[in-house]
N, C-alpha and C. Protein backbone atom coordinates (compact mmCIF):
# COMPACT_ATOMS: atom_id res chain seq x y z
N MET A 1 28.28 -55.95 -49.80
CA MET A 1 27.85 -54.40 -49.64
C MET A 1 28.46 -54.41 -47.60
N SER A 2 29.24 -53.06 -47.59
CA SER A 2 29.71 -52.47 -46.64
C SER A 2 29.60 -51.61 -46.05
N LEU A 3 29.50 -51.39 -44.53
CA LEU A 3 28.83 -50.51 -44.22
C LEU A 3 29.30 -49.15 -43.35
N GLY A 4 30.68 -49.60 -43.87
CA GLY A 4 31.70 -47.99 -43.54
C GLY A 4 32.45 -48.69 -42.59
N LEU A 5 32.14 -49.54 -41.92
CA LEU A 5 32.65 -49.95 -40.28
C LEU A 5 33.95 -51.00 -40.03
N PRO A 6 35.21 -50.21 -39.32
CA PRO A 6 36.54 -51.34 -39.51
C PRO A 6 36.20 -52.16 -39.54
N GLU A 7 36.55 -53.40 -40.04
CA GLU A 7 36.95 -54.69 -39.55
C GLU A 7 37.10 -55.24 -38.46
N ARG A 8 37.82 -54.77 -37.55
CA ARG A 8 37.18 -55.39 -36.56
C ARG A 8 36.11 -55.32 -35.32
N VAL A 9 34.85 -54.35 -35.94
CA VAL A 9 34.21 -54.09 -35.48
C VAL A 9 33.19 -54.99 -36.04
N ARG A 10 33.40 -54.87 -37.09
CA ARG A 10 32.82 -55.43 -38.26
C ARG A 10 31.99 -57.16 -38.29
N THR A 11 33.15 -57.42 -37.46
CA THR A 11 33.77 -58.98 -36.67
C THR A 11 33.05 -59.28 -35.13
N ALA A 12 33.33 -57.72 -34.95
CA ALA A 12 32.35 -57.99 -33.03
C ALA A 12 31.12 -57.69 -33.17
N LEU A 13 30.58 -56.54 -33.74
CA LEU A 13 29.87 -56.92 -34.03
C LEU A 13 28.54 -57.51 -34.34
N THR A 14 27.44 -58.44 -33.98
CA THR A 14 27.10 -59.49 -34.17
C THR A 14 25.64 -59.15 -33.80
N LEU A 15 24.96 -59.92 -35.00
CA LEU A 15 23.42 -59.82 -34.91
C LEU A 15 22.89 -59.86 -33.49
N THR A 16 23.34 -60.97 -32.44
CA THR A 16 23.21 -61.24 -32.19
C THR A 16 23.79 -60.22 -30.32
N ARG A 17 24.91 -59.98 -30.92
CA ARG A 17 24.81 -58.69 -29.42
C ARG A 17 24.44 -57.92 -29.66
N PHE A 18 24.12 -56.74 -30.91
CA PHE A 18 23.34 -55.84 -30.83
C PHE A 18 21.91 -56.31 -30.35
N GLN A 19 21.06 -57.63 -30.39
CA GLN A 19 19.44 -57.51 -29.65
C GLN A 19 20.09 -57.13 -28.35
N ALA A 20 21.30 -57.67 -27.66
CA ALA A 20 21.86 -58.09 -26.19
C ALA A 20 21.66 -56.29 -25.82
N LEU A 21 22.38 -55.80 -26.79
CA LEU A 21 22.72 -54.63 -26.24
C LEU A 21 21.91 -53.55 -26.51
N VAL A 22 21.17 -53.42 -27.53
CA VAL A 22 19.51 -52.73 -27.78
C VAL A 22 18.70 -53.31 -26.90
N GLY A 23 18.47 -54.47 -25.89
CA GLY A 23 17.90 -55.16 -24.81
C GLY A 23 18.08 -54.42 -23.74
N LEU A 24 19.96 -54.39 -22.97
CA LEU A 24 20.34 -53.83 -21.68
C LEU A 24 20.04 -52.65 -21.90
N VAL A 25 20.02 -51.71 -22.69
CA VAL A 25 19.79 -49.83 -23.57
C VAL A 25 17.98 -49.89 -22.70
N ALA A 26 17.33 -50.52 -23.05
CA ALA A 26 15.93 -50.64 -22.94
C ALA A 26 15.77 -50.78 -21.84
N GLY A 27 16.41 -51.73 -21.20
CA GLY A 27 15.55 -52.40 -19.76
C GLY A 27 16.02 -51.39 -19.06
N VAL A 28 17.37 -51.27 -18.84
CA VAL A 28 17.35 -49.26 -17.89
C VAL A 28 17.30 -48.13 -17.73
N LEU A 29 16.36 -48.29 -19.37
CA LEU A 29 15.56 -46.64 -19.84
C LEU A 29 14.39 -47.11 -18.91
N SER A 30 13.67 -48.08 -18.82
CA SER A 30 12.08 -48.66 -18.46
C SER A 30 11.80 -48.97 -17.03
N ILE A 31 13.82 -49.10 -16.57
CA ILE A 31 13.79 -49.85 -14.33
C ILE A 31 13.83 -47.42 -13.95
N GLY A 32 14.77 -46.76 -15.14
CA GLY A 32 14.87 -45.40 -14.76
C GLY A 32 13.49 -44.76 -14.48
N ALA A 33 12.87 -45.04 -15.47
CA ALA A 33 11.15 -44.40 -15.83
C ALA A 33 10.91 -44.65 -13.86
N THR A 34 10.28 -45.92 -14.72
CA THR A 34 9.98 -46.56 -13.48
C THR A 34 10.38 -45.75 -11.78
N VAL A 35 11.48 -46.34 -11.97
CA VAL A 35 11.80 -45.14 -10.40
C VAL A 35 11.29 -43.96 -10.25
N TRP A 36 11.87 -42.99 -11.00
CA TRP A 36 11.29 -41.30 -11.79
C TRP A 36 9.80 -41.11 -11.02
N GLY A 37 8.74 -41.78 -11.99
CA GLY A 37 7.77 -42.12 -11.69
C GLY A 37 6.93 -42.87 -10.33
N ILE A 38 7.80 -43.43 -9.42
CA ILE A 38 7.21 -43.73 -8.24
C ILE A 38 8.04 -42.11 -7.34
N VAL A 39 9.17 -42.21 -7.68
CA VAL A 39 9.68 -40.74 -6.72
C VAL A 39 8.80 -39.74 -6.79
N PHE A 40 8.08 -39.35 -7.97
CA PHE A 40 7.56 -38.06 -8.49
C PHE A 40 6.11 -38.25 -7.85
N ALA A 41 5.47 -39.38 -7.84
CA ALA A 41 3.66 -40.22 -6.62
C ALA A 41 3.83 -39.65 -5.44
N THR A 42 5.33 -40.82 -5.01
CA THR A 42 4.89 -40.49 -3.56
C THR A 42 5.61 -38.87 -2.86
N ARG A 43 5.26 -38.36 -3.57
CA ARG A 43 6.04 -36.80 -2.91
C ARG A 43 4.66 -35.93 -2.68
N GLU A 44 4.96 -35.12 -1.39
CA GLU A 44 4.01 -34.39 -1.13
C GLU A 44 3.42 -33.23 -2.13
N PRO A 45 2.57 -32.73 -2.74
CA PRO A 45 2.05 -31.73 -4.17
C PRO A 45 2.50 -30.37 -3.95
N VAL A 46 3.41 -29.65 -4.29
CA VAL A 46 3.61 -27.90 -3.78
C VAL A 46 1.86 -27.97 -3.30
N THR A 47 1.40 -26.56 -2.30
CA THR A 47 1.11 -25.88 -2.45
C THR A 47 1.35 -24.41 -1.34
N THR A 48 1.87 -24.86 -1.52
CA THR A 48 2.35 -23.30 -1.27
C THR A 48 3.66 -22.09 -3.31
N GLY A 49 2.51 -21.02 -2.60
CA GLY A 49 3.57 -20.33 -3.94
C GLY A 49 4.45 -18.80 -3.44
N GLU A 50 5.02 -18.14 -3.22
CA GLU A 50 6.14 -16.40 -3.20
C GLU A 50 4.83 -15.27 -3.77
N VAL A 51 4.93 -15.14 -2.75
CA VAL A 51 4.25 -13.31 -2.66
C VAL A 51 6.23 -12.37 -3.11
N VAL A 52 5.96 -12.02 -4.16
CA VAL A 52 7.57 -10.66 -3.79
C VAL A 52 6.63 -9.73 -4.58
N ALA A 53 7.00 -8.48 -3.68
CA ALA A 53 6.39 -6.95 -3.69
C ALA A 53 7.61 -6.09 -3.58
N ILE A 54 7.39 -5.73 -5.05
CA ILE A 54 8.76 -4.41 -5.72
C ILE A 54 7.31 -3.22 -5.91
N VAL A 55 8.21 -1.85 -4.56
CA VAL A 55 6.99 -0.87 -3.88
C VAL A 55 8.03 0.29 -4.42
N LEU A 56 7.83 0.95 -5.86
CA LEU A 56 8.21 1.44 -6.14
C LEU A 56 7.65 3.26 -6.03
N ASP A 57 7.99 4.21 -6.57
CA ASP A 57 7.69 5.70 -6.26
C ASP A 57 6.93 5.93 -7.58
N ALA A 58 5.85 6.31 -8.01
CA ALA A 58 4.92 6.35 -9.22
C ALA A 58 5.53 7.47 -10.09
N ARG A 59 6.12 8.65 -9.94
CA ARG A 59 6.44 9.17 -10.42
C ARG A 59 7.44 8.93 -10.96
N THR A 60 8.83 8.98 -10.47
CA THR A 60 10.18 7.96 -10.47
C THR A 60 10.95 6.94 -10.63
N GLU A 61 9.66 6.04 -10.68
CA GLU A 61 9.90 4.63 -10.86
C GLU A 61 11.04 3.66 -9.78
N LYS A 62 11.67 4.10 -9.15
CA LYS A 62 12.71 3.99 -8.34
C LYS A 62 11.93 3.09 -7.37
N PRO A 63 12.74 2.14 -6.60
CA PRO A 63 12.38 1.72 -5.81
C PRO A 63 11.72 2.94 -3.95
N VAL A 64 10.85 2.32 -3.19
CA VAL A 64 10.73 3.27 -2.61
C VAL A 64 11.63 2.30 -0.50
N PRO A 65 12.47 2.38 -0.11
CA PRO A 65 12.71 2.32 1.45
C PRO A 65 11.78 2.14 2.26
N ASN A 66 11.70 0.95 3.06
CA ASN A 66 10.92 0.99 4.84
C ASN A 66 9.84 1.46 4.32
N ALA A 67 8.95 0.97 3.46
CA ALA A 67 7.49 0.71 2.85
C ALA A 67 6.87 -0.86 3.47
N ILE A 68 5.40 -0.41 4.16
CA ILE A 68 5.26 -1.87 5.15
C ILE A 68 4.33 -1.72 4.50
N VAL A 69 4.05 -3.47 4.00
CA VAL A 69 3.76 -4.52 2.92
C VAL A 69 2.82 -5.20 3.79
N GLU A 70 1.63 -5.18 4.18
CA GLU A 70 0.83 -6.29 4.93
C GLU A 70 0.00 -7.43 3.60
N LEU A 71 0.36 -8.78 3.54
CA LEU A 71 -0.86 -9.72 3.43
C LEU A 71 -1.50 -10.14 4.46
N GLY A 72 -2.76 -10.30 3.78
CA GLY A 72 -3.71 -10.44 5.01
C GLY A 72 -5.19 -11.51 3.68
N THR A 73 -6.37 -11.95 4.44
CA THR A 73 -7.20 -12.72 3.98
C THR A 73 -7.98 -11.67 3.23
N PRO A 74 -9.56 -12.19 1.94
CA PRO A 74 -9.56 -11.09 1.30
C PRO A 74 -10.72 -10.64 2.35
N GLN A 75 -11.76 -11.06 3.52
CA GLN A 75 -12.36 -10.80 4.67
C GLN A 75 -11.59 -10.07 5.52
N GLY A 76 -10.19 -10.12 5.59
CA GLY A 76 -9.72 -8.81 6.54
C GLY A 76 -8.84 -9.16 7.27
N ALA A 77 -8.54 -9.72 7.24
CA ALA A 77 -7.46 -10.77 8.94
C ALA A 77 -5.96 -10.59 8.09
N LEU A 78 -5.36 -10.30 9.27
CA LEU A 78 -3.59 -9.48 8.66
C LEU A 78 -3.05 -11.25 8.73
N ILE A 79 -2.36 -11.78 7.68
CA ILE A 79 -1.26 -13.17 7.47
C ILE A 79 0.16 -12.04 7.86
N SER A 80 0.41 -11.43 7.23
CA SER A 80 2.18 -10.64 7.78
C SER A 80 2.46 -9.57 7.42
N THR A 81 3.28 -8.82 8.50
CA THR A 81 4.01 -7.37 8.16
C THR A 81 5.19 -7.83 7.35
N LEU A 82 5.48 -7.26 6.29
CA LEU A 82 6.33 -7.04 6.25
C LEU A 82 7.38 -6.30 5.64
N LEU A 83 9.06 -5.67 6.52
CA LEU A 83 9.75 -3.96 6.04
C LEU A 83 10.27 -4.35 5.16
N ALA A 84 9.81 -2.99 3.46
CA ALA A 84 10.59 -3.51 2.01
C ALA A 84 11.99 -2.44 2.00
N LYS A 85 12.45 -3.37 2.75
CA LYS A 85 13.94 -2.57 3.05
C LYS A 85 14.12 -1.81 2.13
N GLU A 86 14.41 -2.23 0.87
CA GLU A 86 15.19 -1.68 -0.57
C GLU A 86 14.11 -1.59 -1.49
N GLY A 87 12.67 -1.69 -0.86
CA GLY A 87 11.95 -1.45 -1.99
C GLY A 87 11.36 -2.91 -2.13
N LEU A 88 11.25 -4.08 -1.34
CA LEU A 88 11.56 -5.56 -2.43
C LEU A 88 10.85 -5.88 -0.98
N VAL A 89 10.23 -6.78 -0.98
CA VAL A 89 9.00 -8.40 -0.06
C VAL A 89 9.13 -9.69 -1.15
N ARG A 90 9.60 -10.47 -0.14
CA ARG A 90 9.62 -12.09 -0.67
C ARG A 90 8.56 -12.52 0.90
N GLN A 91 7.68 -13.13 0.34
CA GLN A 91 6.23 -14.14 1.32
C GLN A 91 5.67 -14.89 1.14
N THR A 92 6.66 -16.33 1.41
CA THR A 92 5.45 -17.74 1.10
C THR A 92 4.95 -17.60 1.78
N VAL A 93 3.31 -18.39 0.28
CA VAL A 93 2.29 -18.19 1.44
C VAL A 93 1.64 -19.72 0.86
N LYS A 94 0.33 -19.76 0.82
CA LYS A 94 -0.37 -20.95 0.59
C LYS A 94 -1.39 -20.78 -0.73
N GLU A 95 -1.64 -21.98 -1.68
CA GLU A 95 -2.42 -20.88 -2.52
C GLU A 95 -3.20 -20.57 -2.69
N GLY A 96 -3.99 -19.81 -2.87
CA GLY A 96 -5.35 -18.59 -2.99
C GLY A 96 -5.06 -17.47 -2.82
N LEU A 97 -6.72 -16.75 -2.65
CA LEU A 97 -6.67 -15.41 -2.87
C LEU A 97 -6.46 -14.11 -1.20
N TYR A 98 -5.57 -13.28 -1.35
CA TYR A 98 -4.39 -12.66 -1.26
C TYR A 98 -4.95 -10.89 -0.69
N ARG A 99 -4.76 -9.54 0.11
CA ARG A 99 -5.54 -8.70 0.10
C ARG A 99 -4.26 -7.92 1.01
N MET A 100 -3.02 -7.43 -0.26
CA MET A 100 -2.02 -6.94 0.02
C MET A 100 -2.03 -5.06 0.34
N ARG A 101 -1.46 -4.70 1.45
CA ARG A 101 -1.87 -3.43 1.58
C ARG A 101 -0.14 -2.12 1.68
N VAL A 102 0.01 -1.37 1.04
CA VAL A 102 1.02 -1.33 0.73
C VAL A 102 1.43 0.01 2.02
N ILE A 103 1.74 -0.08 2.79
CA ILE A 103 2.02 1.85 3.36
C ILE A 103 3.05 2.85 3.37
N HIS A 104 2.68 3.89 3.67
CA HIS A 104 4.90 4.11 4.02
C HIS A 104 3.69 5.92 4.55
N PRO A 105 4.60 6.37 5.42
CA PRO A 105 4.27 7.54 5.75
C PRO A 105 4.43 8.99 4.81
N LYS A 106 5.55 8.98 3.55
CA LYS A 106 5.72 9.97 2.89
C LYS A 106 4.66 9.53 1.89
N PHE A 107 4.38 8.50 2.01
CA PHE A 107 3.02 8.60 0.48
C PHE A 107 1.83 7.56 0.59
N GLY A 108 1.33 7.74 0.22
CA GLY A 108 -0.60 7.31 -0.29
C GLY A 108 -0.37 5.71 0.28
N VAL A 109 -1.82 4.95 1.09
CA VAL A 109 -2.00 4.05 1.36
C VAL A 109 -2.07 3.39 -0.30
N GLU A 110 -1.40 1.92 -0.67
CA GLU A 110 -2.41 1.37 -1.56
C GLU A 110 -3.37 -0.35 -1.69
N VAL A 111 -3.61 -0.40 -1.72
CA VAL A 111 -4.87 -1.73 -1.38
C VAL A 111 -4.56 -2.41 -2.67
N ARG A 112 -4.27 -4.00 -3.08
CA ARG A 112 -4.07 -4.73 -4.62
C ARG A 112 -4.32 -6.27 -3.74
N PRO A 113 -6.14 -7.29 -4.71
CA PRO A 113 -6.24 -8.32 -4.45
C PRO A 113 -5.13 -9.26 -5.24
N VAL A 114 -4.19 -10.39 -4.53
CA VAL A 114 -3.85 -11.23 -4.49
C VAL A 114 -3.94 -12.49 -5.10
N TYR A 115 -3.79 -13.21 -6.12
CA TYR A 115 -3.89 -14.48 -6.61
C TYR A 115 -2.11 -14.95 -6.63
N VAL A 116 -1.61 -16.25 -5.53
CA VAL A 116 -0.58 -16.99 -5.83
C VAL A 116 -1.45 -18.34 -6.05
N LEU A 117 -0.13 -18.47 -7.24
CA LEU A 117 -0.76 -20.28 -7.48
C LEU A 117 0.57 -20.44 -7.10
N ALA A 118 0.06 -22.18 -6.56
CA ALA A 118 0.95 -23.69 -5.34
C ALA A 118 2.05 -23.60 -7.59
N GLY A 119 3.19 -23.28 -6.43
CA GLY A 119 4.56 -23.80 -7.39
C GLY A 119 5.11 -22.53 -7.99
N HIS A 120 4.68 -21.48 -7.98
CA HIS A 120 4.95 -20.02 -8.37
C HIS A 120 5.53 -19.06 -7.56
N SER A 121 5.86 -18.15 -8.52
CA SER A 121 6.29 -17.02 -8.03
C SER A 121 5.13 -15.56 -8.54
N GLN A 122 4.41 -14.56 -7.50
CA GLN A 122 3.79 -13.59 -7.90
C GLN A 122 4.48 -12.70 -7.46
N GLU A 123 4.89 -12.19 -8.65
CA GLU A 123 5.48 -10.38 -8.83
C GLU A 123 4.71 -9.06 -8.61
N ILE A 124 4.56 -8.74 -8.01
CA ILE A 124 3.91 -7.35 -8.14
C ILE A 124 4.44 -6.35 -7.89
N ARG A 125 4.67 -5.20 -9.00
CA ARG A 125 4.82 -3.98 -8.67
C ARG A 125 3.95 -2.54 -8.44
N VAL A 126 4.06 -2.30 -7.11
CA VAL A 126 2.94 -1.55 -7.14
C VAL A 126 3.53 0.36 -6.63
N ARG A 127 2.88 1.00 -7.37
CA ARG A 127 3.59 2.06 -7.53
C ARG A 127 2.50 3.21 -6.67
N ILE A 128 3.51 3.90 -5.81
CA ILE A 128 2.76 5.11 -4.28
C ILE A 128 2.74 6.03 -5.02
N ALA A 129 2.04 7.12 -5.26
CA ALA A 129 2.08 8.62 -4.95
C ALA A 129 2.56 9.17 -3.94
N PRO A 130 2.98 9.93 -3.94
CA PRO A 130 3.41 10.62 -2.19
C PRO A 130 1.70 11.71 -2.18
N HIS A 131 1.81 12.04 -0.83
CA HIS A 131 0.90 12.87 -0.16
C HIS A 131 0.74 14.31 -1.15
N PRO A 132 -1.20 14.48 -1.68
CA PRO A 132 -0.76 15.66 -2.18
C PRO A 132 -0.56 17.12 -1.10
N PRO A 133 -0.10 18.28 -1.80
CA PRO A 133 0.11 19.01 -0.24
C PRO A 133 -1.32 19.42 -0.39
N PRO A 134 -0.86 20.34 1.14
CA PRO A 134 -2.71 20.72 1.58
C PRO A 134 -3.12 22.28 0.32
N PRO A 135 -4.59 22.43 0.74
CA PRO A 135 -4.63 23.41 -0.09
C PRO A 135 -4.49 24.41 0.25
N PRO A 136 -4.44 25.79 -0.32
CA PRO A 136 -4.03 26.90 -0.11
C PRO A 136 -5.23 27.27 0.60
N PRO A 137 -4.99 27.72 1.29
CA PRO A 137 -5.80 28.84 3.14
C PRO A 137 -6.98 29.71 1.86
N VAL A 138 -8.57 29.08 2.20
CA VAL A 138 -8.89 30.23 1.46
C VAL A 138 -10.33 31.07 2.63
N VAL A 139 -9.50 31.68 1.10
CA VAL A 139 -9.66 34.16 2.00
C VAL A 139 -11.06 33.99 1.63
N VAL A 140 -11.61 35.15 2.61
CA VAL A 140 -13.34 35.05 1.72
C VAL A 140 -13.73 36.52 2.06
N GLU A 141 -13.63 37.44 1.15
CA GLU A 141 -13.99 38.88 1.82
C GLU A 141 -15.22 38.83 1.56
N LYS A 142 -14.91 39.71 2.89
CA LYS A 142 -16.36 40.17 2.76
C LYS A 142 -17.58 41.30 2.23
N ASP A 143 -18.30 42.01 1.54
CA ASP A 143 -18.31 42.35 0.78
C ASP A 143 -19.08 43.97 1.79
N LYS A 144 -19.09 45.23 0.97
CA LYS A 144 -19.41 45.88 2.15
C LYS A 144 -20.21 46.27 2.89
N ALA A 145 -21.56 45.76 2.55
CA ALA A 145 -22.88 46.14 2.97
C ALA A 145 -22.00 44.68 4.73
N ALA A 146 -21.94 44.01 4.74
CA ALA A 146 -21.35 43.19 6.10
C ALA A 146 -20.37 43.69 6.43
N LYS A 147 -18.74 44.53 5.71
CA LYS A 147 -17.93 45.29 6.36
C LYS A 147 -18.66 46.29 7.04
N ASP A 148 -19.64 46.82 6.64
CA ASP A 148 -20.64 48.43 7.29
C ASP A 148 -21.07 47.71 8.97
N LYS A 149 -21.85 46.58 8.48
CA LYS A 149 -22.42 46.31 9.76
C LYS A 149 -21.66 45.58 10.55
N ASP A 150 -20.31 44.97 10.49
CA ASP A 150 -18.86 45.69 11.95
C ASP A 150 -19.21 46.04 12.66
N LYS A 151 -18.78 46.94 11.13
CA LYS A 151 -18.42 48.89 12.27
C LYS A 151 -19.22 49.09 13.00
N VAL A 152 -20.34 49.40 12.40
CA VAL A 152 -22.04 50.15 13.40
C VAL A 152 -21.78 48.86 14.47
N ALA A 153 -21.41 47.29 14.63
CA ALA A 153 -21.99 46.50 15.96
C ALA A 153 -20.32 47.45 16.59
N LYS A 154 -18.98 47.31 15.93
CA LYS A 154 -18.33 47.34 16.84
C LYS A 154 -18.83 48.98 17.05
N ASP A 155 -18.84 49.87 16.44
CA ASP A 155 -19.45 50.96 17.40
C ASP A 155 -19.81 51.27 18.56
N LYS A 156 -20.88 50.22 18.41
CA LYS A 156 -21.93 50.24 19.24
C LYS A 156 -21.50 49.37 20.61
N ASP A 157 -20.22 48.82 20.58
CA ASP A 157 -19.99 48.23 21.98
C ASP A 157 -18.90 49.42 22.36
N LYS A 158 -17.64 49.85 21.57
CA LYS A 158 -17.42 51.37 22.08
C LYS A 158 -18.08 51.96 22.55
N GLU A 159 -19.00 52.19 22.47
CA GLU A 159 -20.00 53.01 23.57
C GLU A 159 -20.76 53.04 24.46
N LYS A 160 -20.74 51.43 24.62
CA LYS A 160 -21.56 50.71 25.77
C LYS A 160 -19.82 51.01 26.79
N ASP A 161 -19.14 50.45 26.12
CA ASP A 161 -17.63 50.25 27.55
C ASP A 161 -17.55 51.65 27.60
N LYS A 162 -17.94 52.73 26.76
CA LYS A 162 -17.24 54.02 27.58
C LYS A 162 -18.47 54.53 28.66
N ALA A 163 -19.73 54.08 28.17
CA ALA A 163 -20.58 54.06 29.42
C ALA A 163 -20.46 53.92 30.26
N GLY A 164 -19.84 52.50 30.39
CA GLY A 164 -19.79 51.90 31.72
C GLY A 164 -18.14 52.13 32.41
N LYS A 165 -17.38 52.67 31.66
CA LYS A 165 -16.06 53.90 32.01
C LYS A 165 -16.87 54.81 33.41
N GLU A 166 -17.44 55.62 32.39
CA GLU A 166 -18.02 56.60 32.85
C GLU A 166 -18.91 55.97 34.53
N LYS A 167 -19.27 54.85 34.59
CA LYS A 167 -20.49 54.91 35.24
C LYS A 167 -19.46 54.70 37.08
N ASP A 168 -18.59 54.12 36.45
CA ASP A 168 -17.50 53.62 37.79
C ASP A 168 -16.05 54.56 37.75
N LYS A 169 -16.81 55.26 36.74
CA LYS A 169 -15.99 56.60 37.84
C LYS A 169 -16.20 57.92 39.33
N PRO A 170 -15.41 58.09 40.19
CA PRO A 170 -16.01 58.86 40.84
C PRO A 170 -16.72 59.51 41.19
N GLY A 171 -18.27 59.57 41.05
CA GLY A 171 -19.17 61.02 41.39
C GLY A 171 -20.29 60.60 39.67
N ALA A 172 -19.85 59.69 39.29
CA ALA A 172 -20.85 59.31 37.94
C ALA A 172 -22.09 59.28 37.89
N LEU A 173 -22.76 58.75 39.37
CA LEU A 173 -24.23 58.46 39.94
C LEU A 173 -24.22 59.04 40.78
N ASP A 174 -23.83 60.72 41.02
CA ASP A 174 -24.08 61.65 41.15
C ASP A 174 -24.01 62.22 39.80
N LYS A 175 -24.29 61.88 39.05
CA LYS A 175 -24.37 62.73 37.75
C LYS A 175 -25.35 62.27 36.92
N ALA A 176 -25.32 61.22 36.38
CA ALA A 176 -27.07 60.03 35.87
C ALA A 176 -27.50 60.34 36.67
N GLY A 177 -27.73 59.88 38.97
CA GLY A 177 -29.17 61.02 39.58
C GLY A 177 -29.82 61.88 38.78
N GLN A 178 -28.86 63.20 38.83
CA GLN A 178 -29.07 63.82 38.13
C GLN A 178 -29.68 64.08 37.47
N VAL A 179 -29.16 63.67 36.33
CA VAL A 179 -30.18 63.43 34.60
C VAL A 179 -30.89 62.75 34.45
N ILE A 180 -31.63 62.36 35.15
CA ILE A 180 -32.72 61.74 35.57
C ILE A 180 -33.80 61.80 36.30
N LYS A 181 -32.92 62.96 36.93
CA LYS A 181 -34.29 63.33 38.01
C LYS A 181 -34.17 65.02 37.42
N LYS A 182 -33.87 65.70 36.44
CA LYS A 182 -34.22 66.79 35.92
C LYS A 182 -35.10 65.88 34.39
N LEU A 183 -35.53 64.91 33.80
CA LEU A 183 -36.03 64.33 32.74
C LEU A 183 -37.65 64.38 33.83
N PHE A 184 -37.40 63.43 34.92
CA PHE A 184 -38.30 63.30 35.98
C PHE A 184 -39.24 65.17 36.08
N GLU A 185 -38.29 65.74 35.76
CA GLU A 185 -38.74 67.34 36.64
C GLU A 185 -38.90 67.99 35.73
N GLY A 186 -39.06 67.21 33.90
CA GLY A 186 -39.32 68.06 32.59
C GLY A 186 -38.74 69.40 32.28
N LYS A 187 -37.15 69.32 32.72
CA LYS A 187 -36.64 70.46 32.84
C LYS A 187 -35.39 70.29 31.89
C-alpha cells in the first residue's frame, strides 16, 4: 500500500516522529490558549461606550453644522456640551441611560433618550426642523354698529374739545355768564 509520498519523506516520517510532532503542536496550542485566557481574564472589563450623534435637516436630510448637542442624565444633570461643527459629534461615556438634547438657533429643539452599551458605539440620527414662520397678524373688522358707536363717541369728544376751546378764548367767560343769567331770568 503506497501513500503517494516520495521515498525520502516516507523513510523520514516514521510513526514515532509523527507522534512527537503531533505532541509538540498540541503542547504549543495548549500553552498558547492558557496564556490567552490568563491575559483576557486579568484585563479590566470595558465599561464605556460611544455616542455618535448625526444632526440632519428634516427637510433635506443634509448635516446641520454648528448644532449644540448636550448629554445629560435622565434626572437633568448636564454631563457634556458638544458642538457638532459638521453635523457630527462623538462622545465616550459610561454604560447607561442618557438624555440627548440637540439645539440650533435656526431649528427647533430635539430631545432623545439614549442607552449606551459598554464596548459599543450608539449612532443616533437626529432630524431637526426649522422654526415655523410666524402666523400672519389677525385683522378683526368691527361690525357696523360698533363703528357707529365709535363715531358717536369721537363726535362727542370733538364737541367737548370745542367747548373747552371756547372757554379759553378771551371774553368767553362773559358770554357764558350772560347765557346763565338769561336762563335764570327766564328770558
